């Protein structure tokens, strides 16, 4: 089932039920996408007011994910390559973007 919500209610992790399109019918965010904070900002900047999401979208428990990431990397942070990987994983978890 889908649910229409105001873009201001959108949260990272919600799954789009339909394509989110611009006023010129350009697909900004495809259906089935787990929204990131950057995509929500993009939609707002494009004047999107309402979006359809899949009801029952499971939002990740970010506190648990952060704890697990910290635990996995706690013994290898001194290695420069592992530190770079740790930072990339943290950025992916926080912002939905993989920056290496």
Foldseek 3Di string as FASTA:
>chain_A
DKDKDFLVPDDAQWFFQAFLAAPVRHGLRGGGDRDFPVSSVVCVVRVNTMTMTDPPRDDDPLVVVVVVLCVVCVVPCVPVVSVLVSVQVVCCSRGVDRDD
